[in-house]
Amino acid sequence: METFISHSEEETMKMATSFAKKLKSKDCIALCGELGAGKTIFVKGLYEGLGGESTVLVTSPTFTLMQIYPLSQGFLTHLDLYRLDQAKDLKALNLDDHLQGEEGITVIEWGDKIPQLVPYFTHRVDMIIKGPREREITITYV
């Protein structure tokens, strides 16, 4: 387990970029934290650290539920479960294909909302708001 304190979006992205270097294909990361904790900023840093193209805009998939970003080796699949309540809501996303068949990394914001996903996680990132610009980020290897 590793814990970091971030004082800015730039520091959060830098931490995520560094963390990305430790990932391997088919890893699945649960991002947990309240609204405004910086989960999507963290994903931006992951994408950069995985060699993603700087011209690609990484955005929150709160309304689309899933964004897929190209990498040189596979994809970064970014899901946001904020609007979902049950595992059956995931069926339409073909999540099993991304978790088991596709090359690349999967990141799930609000990953702690649906307990049935826990067996897929290789890492859990908890983000706690400590102040207006301060975040405590804990990465657990599961």
C-alpha atoms as a PDB file:
ATOM      1  CA  MET A   1       0.000   0.000   0.000  1.00  0.00           C
ATOM      2  CA  GLU A   2       1.211   3.489  -0.849  1.00  0.00           C
ATOM      3  CA  THR A   3      -0.193   6.808   0.358  1.00  0.00           C
ATOM      4  CA  PHE A   4       0.494  10.198  -1.187  1.00  0.00           C
ATOM      5  CA  ILE A   5      -0.651  13.727  -0.461  1.00  0.00           C
ATOM      6  CA  SER A   6      -1.460  15.882  -3.472  1.00  0.00           C
ATOM      7  CA  HIS A   7      -1.757  19.651  -3.299  1.00  0.00           C
ATOM      8  CA  SER A   8      -2.859  20.261  -6.893  1.00  0.00           C
ATOM      9  CA  GLU A   9      -4.314  18.654  -9.999  1.00  0.00           C
ATOM     10  CA  GLU A  10      -0.802  18.663 -11.463  1.00  0.00           C
ATOM     11  CA  GLU A  11       0.552  16.659  -8.507  1.00  0.00           C
ATOM     12  CA  THR A  12      -2.347  14.198  -8.783  1.00  0.00           C
ATOM     13  CA  MET A  13      -1.630  13.717 -12.488  1.00  0.00           C
ATOM     14  CA  LYS A  14       2.090  13.264 -11.786  1.00  0.00           C
ATOM     15  CA  MET A  15       1.350  10.577  -9.164  1.00  0.00           C
ATOM     16  CA  ALA A  16      -0.961   8.779 -11.586  1.00  0.00           C
ATOM     17  CA  THR A  17       1.605   9.012 -14.383  1.00  0.00           C
ATOM     18  CA  SER A  18       4.196   7.398 -12.129  1.00  0.00           C
ATOM     19  CA  PHE A  19       1.721   4.722 -10.986  1.00  0.00           C
ATOM     20  CA  ALA A  20       0.895   3.897 -14.629  1.00  0.00           C
ATOM     21  CA  LYS A  21       4.466   2.673 -15.152  1.00  0.00           C
ATOM     22  CA  LYS A  22       3.733  -0.165 -12.696  1.00  0.00           C
ATOM     23  CA  LEU A  23       0.666  -1.429 -14.548  1.00  0.00           C
ATOM     24  CA  LYS A  24       0.470  -4.341 -16.936  1.00  0.00           C
ATOM     25  CA  SER A  25      -2.066  -5.318 -19.556  1.00  0.00           C
ATOM     26  CA  LYS A  26      -5.429  -6.456 -18.173  1.00  0.00           C
ATOM     27  CA  ASP A  27      -4.972  -4.653 -14.857  1.00  0.00           C
ATOM     28  CA  CYS A  28      -8.211  -3.246 -13.473  1.00  0.00           C
ATOM     29  CA  ILE A  29      -8.201  -0.257 -11.123  1.00  0.00           C
ATOM     30  CA  ALA A  30     -11.053   0.756  -8.823  1.00  0.00           C
ATOM     31  CA  LEU A  31     -11.091   4.521  -8.237  1.00  0.00           C
ATOM     32  CA  CYS A  32     -12.975   5.392  -5.065  1.00  0.00           C
ATOM     33  CA  GLY A  33     -13.756   8.774  -3.574  1.00  0.00           C
ATOM     34  CA  GLU A  34     -16.472  11.350  -3.289  1.00  0.00           C
ATOM     35  CA  LEU A  35     -17.479  13.831  -5.982  1.00  0.00           C
ATOM     36  CA  GLY A  36     -14.667  16.269  -6.650  1.00  0.00           C
ATOM     37  CA  ALA A  37     -11.921  14.046  -5.226  1.00  0.00           C
ATOM     38  CA  GLY A  38     -10.005  14.076  -8.516  1.00  0.00           C
ATOM     39  CA  LYS A  39     -10.784  10.667  -9.993  1.00  0.00           C
ATOM     40  CA  THR A  40     -10.939  11.872 -13.602  1.00  0.00           C
ATOM     41  CA  ILE A  41      -7.757  13.934 -13.113  1.00  0.00           C
ATOM     42  CA  PHE A  42      -6.102  10.721 -11.924  1.00  0.00           C
ATOM     43  CA  VAL A  43      -7.270   8.938 -15.097  1.00  0.00           C
ATOM     44  CA  LYS A  44      -5.774  11.738 -17.216  1.00  0.00           C
ATOM     45  CA  GLY A  45      -2.435  11.107 -15.525  1.00  0.00           C
ATOM     46  CA  LEU A  46      -2.758   7.347 -16.031  1.00  0.00           C
ATOM     47  CA  TYR A  47      -3.414   7.832 -19.732  1.00  0.00           C
ATOM     48  CA  GLU A  48      -0.384  10.069 -20.056  1.00  0.00           C
ATOM     49  CA  GLY A  49       1.767   7.584 -18.120  1.00  0.00           C
ATOM     50  CA  LEU A  50       0.605   4.725 -20.338  1.00  0.00           C
ATOM     51  CA  GLY A  51       1.835   6.604 -23.393  1.00  0.00           C
ATOM     52  CA  GLY A  52      -1.513   7.995 -24.489  1.00  0.00           C
ATOM     53  CA  GLU A  53      -1.537  10.681 -27.158  1.00  0.00           C
ATOM     54  CA  SER A  54      -1.499  14.233 -25.842  1.00  0.00           C
ATOM     55  CA  THR A  55      -4.115  15.259 -28.428  1.00  0.00           C
ATOM     56  CA  VAL A  56      -6.737  12.944 -26.884  1.00  0.00           C
ATOM     57  CA  LEU A  57      -9.078  14.675 -24.433  1.00  0.00           C
ATOM     58  CA  VAL A  58      -9.714  12.493 -21.379  1.00  0.00           C
ATOM     59  CA  THR A  59     -13.109  13.359 -19.901  1.00  0.00           C
ATOM     60  CA  SER A  60     -15.429  11.971 -17.263  1.00  0.00           C
ATOM     61  CA  PRO A  61     -17.750   9.277 -18.634  1.00  0.00           C
ATOM     62  CA  THR A  62     -20.454  10.064 -16.057  1.00  0.00           C
ATOM     63  CA  PHE A  63     -23.152  10.347 -18.724  1.00  0.00           C
ATOM     64  CA  THR A  64     -21.696   8.081 -21.409  1.00  0.00           C
ATOM     65  CA  LEU A  65     -20.694   5.486 -18.751  1.00  0.00           C
ATOM     66  CA  MET A  66     -17.601   4.418 -20.710  1.00  0.00           C
ATOM     67  CA  GLN A  67     -14.799   6.025 -22.703  1.00  0.00           C
ATOM     68  CA  ILE A  68     -12.175   4.016 -24.565  1.00  0.00           C
ATOM     69  CA  TYR A  69      -8.822   5.642 -25.267  1.00  0.00           C
ATOM     70  CA  PRO A  70      -6.236   4.167 -27.658  1.00  0.00           C
ATOM     71  CA  LEU A  71      -2.813   3.101 -26.439  1.00  0.00           C
ATOM     72  CA  SER A  72       0.095   1.686 -28.409  1.00  0.00           C
ATOM     73  CA  GLN A  73      -0.705  -1.673 -26.785  1.00  0.00           C
ATOM     74  CA  GLY A  74      -4.490  -1.966 -26.489  1.00  0.00           C
ATOM     75  CA  PHE A  75      -6.774   0.544 -24.808  1.00  0.00           C
ATOM     76  CA  LEU A  76      -7.469   2.411 -21.608  1.00  0.00           C
ATOM     77  CA  THR A  77     -11.108   1.684 -20.813  1.00  0.00           C
ATOM     78  CA  HIS A  78     -12.530   4.287 -18.425  1.00  0.00           C
ATOM     79  CA  LEU A  79     -15.870   3.611 -16.749  1.00  0.00           C
ATOM     80  CA  ASP A  80     -17.898   5.713 -14.336  1.00  0.00           C
ATOM     81  CA  LEU A  81     -20.477   3.852 -12.236  1.00  0.00           C
ATOM     82  CA  TYR A  82     -21.878   6.925 -10.479  1.00  0.00           C
ATOM     83  CA  ARG A  83     -25.273   6.597 -12.175  1.00  0.00           C
ATOM     84  CA  LEU A  84     -25.503   2.792 -11.871  1.00  0.00           C
ATOM     85  CA  ASP A  85     -26.962   0.888  -8.963  1.00  0.00           C
ATOM     86  CA  GLN A  86     -26.607  -2.819  -9.733  1.00  0.00           C
ATOM     87  CA  ALA A  87     -24.300  -5.230 -11.506  1.00  0.00           C
ATOM     88  CA  LYS A  88     -27.037  -6.027 -14.038  1.00  0.00           C
ATOM     89  CA  ASP A  89     -26.788  -2.393 -15.228  1.00  0.00           C
ATOM     90  CA  LEU A  90     -23.300  -3.232 -16.542  1.00  0.00           C
ATOM     91  CA  LYS A  91     -24.461  -5.909 -19.003  1.00  0.00           C
ATOM     92  CA  ALA A  92     -25.083  -3.424 -21.831  1.00  0.00           C
ATOM     93  CA  LEU A  93     -21.471  -2.228 -21.591  1.00  0.00           C
ATOM     94  CA  ASN A  94     -20.017  -5.688 -22.370  1.00  0.00           C
ATOM     95  CA  LEU A  95     -17.735  -5.164 -19.395  1.00  0.00           C
ATOM     96  CA  ASP A  96     -16.590  -8.791 -19.382  1.00  0.00           C
ATOM     97  CA  ASP A  97     -14.990  -8.250 -22.803  1.00  0.00           C
ATOM     98  CA  HIS A  98     -12.938  -5.384 -21.411  1.00  0.00           C
ATOM     99  CA  LEU A  99     -12.025  -7.139 -18.182  1.00  0.00           C
ATOM    100  CA  GLN A 100     -11.129 -10.515 -19.674  1.00  0.00           C
ATOM    101  CA  GLY A 101     -10.537 -10.299 -23.402  1.00  0.00           C
ATOM    102  CA  GLU A 102      -9.197  -6.909 -24.415  1.00  0.00           C
ATOM    103  CA  GLU A 103      -5.550  -5.910 -24.140  1.00  0.00           C
ATOM    104  CA  GLY A 104      -5.103  -2.798 -22.078  1.00  0.00           C
ATOM    105  CA  ILE A 105      -6.019  -1.282 -18.737  1.00  0.00           C
ATOM    106  CA  THR A 106      -9.484  -0.770 -17.218  1.00  0.00           C
ATOM    107  CA  VAL A 107     -10.216   2.022 -14.739  1.00  0.00           C
ATOM    108  CA  ILE A 108     -13.552   2.123 -12.936  1.00  0.00           C
ATOM    109  CA  GLU A 109     -14.603   5.294 -11.136  1.00  0.00           C
ATOM    110  CA  TRP A 110     -16.926   4.568  -8.210  1.00  0.00           C
ATOM    111  CA  GLY A 111     -15.584   1.010  -8.342  1.00  0.00           C
ATOM    112  CA  ASP A 112     -16.775   0.360  -4.804  1.00  0.00           C
ATOM    113  CA  LYS A 113     -20.457   0.799  -5.756  1.00  0.00           C
ATOM    114  CA  ILE A 114     -20.910  -2.710  -7.166  1.00  0.00           C
ATOM    115  CA  PRO A 115     -19.396  -5.450  -4.968  1.00  0.00           C
ATOM    116  CA  GLN A 116     -19.539  -8.057  -7.755  1.00  0.00           C
ATOM    117  CA  LEU A 117     -16.655  -6.230  -9.483  1.00  0.00           C
ATOM    118  CA  VAL A 118     -14.209  -6.619  -6.589  1.00  0.00           C
ATOM    119  CA  PRO A 119     -12.695  -9.912  -7.896  1.00  0.00           C
ATOM    120  CA  TYR A 120     -11.614  -8.132 -11.096  1.00  0.00           C
ATOM    121  CA  PHE A 121      -9.630  -5.392  -9.349  1.00  0.00           C
ATOM    122  CA  THR A 122      -5.864  -5.586  -9.287  1.00  0.00           C
ATOM    123  CA  HIS A 123      -5.535  -2.164  -7.619  1.00  0.00           C
ATOM    124  CA  ARG A 124      -7.739   0.127  -5.586  1.00  0.00           C
ATOM    125  CA  VAL A 125      -7.130   3.868  -5.432  1.00  0.00           C
ATOM    126  CA  ASP A 126      -8.876   5.730  -2.625  1.00  0.00           C
ATOM    127  CA  MET A 127      -8.992   9.508  -2.901  1.00  0.00           C
ATOM    128  CA  ILE A 128      -9.953  11.528   0.170  1.00  0.00           C
ATOM    129  CA  ILE A 129     -10.549  15.283   0.105  1.00  0.00           C
ATOM    130  CA  LYS A 130      -8.477  16.819   2.917  1.00  0.00           C
ATOM    131  CA  GLY A 131      -8.874  20.466   1.894  1.00  0.00           C
ATOM    132  CA  PRO A 132      -9.795  22.677  -1.070  1.00  0.00           C
ATOM    133  CA  ARG A 133      -6.748  21.524  -3.040  1.00  0.00           C
ATOM    134  CA  GLU A 134      -5.367  18.722  -0.868  1.00  0.00           C
ATOM    135  CA  ARG A 135      -6.073  15.047  -1.532  1.00  0.00           C
ATOM    136  CA  GLU A 136      -4.886  11.912   0.232  1.00  0.00           C
ATOM    137  CA  ILE A 137      -4.395   9.193  -2.378  1.00  0.00           C
ATOM    138  CA  THR A 138      -3.918   5.613  -1.236  1.00  0.00           C
ATOM    139  CA  ILE A 139      -3.071   2.878  -3.715  1.00  0.00           C
ATOM    140  CA  THR A 140      -3.720  -0.671  -2.555  1.00  0.00           C
ATOM    141  CA  TYR A 141      -2.514  -3.667  -4.529  1.00  0.00           C
ATOM    142  CA  VAL A 142      -5.213  -6.339  -4.238  1.00  0.00           C
END
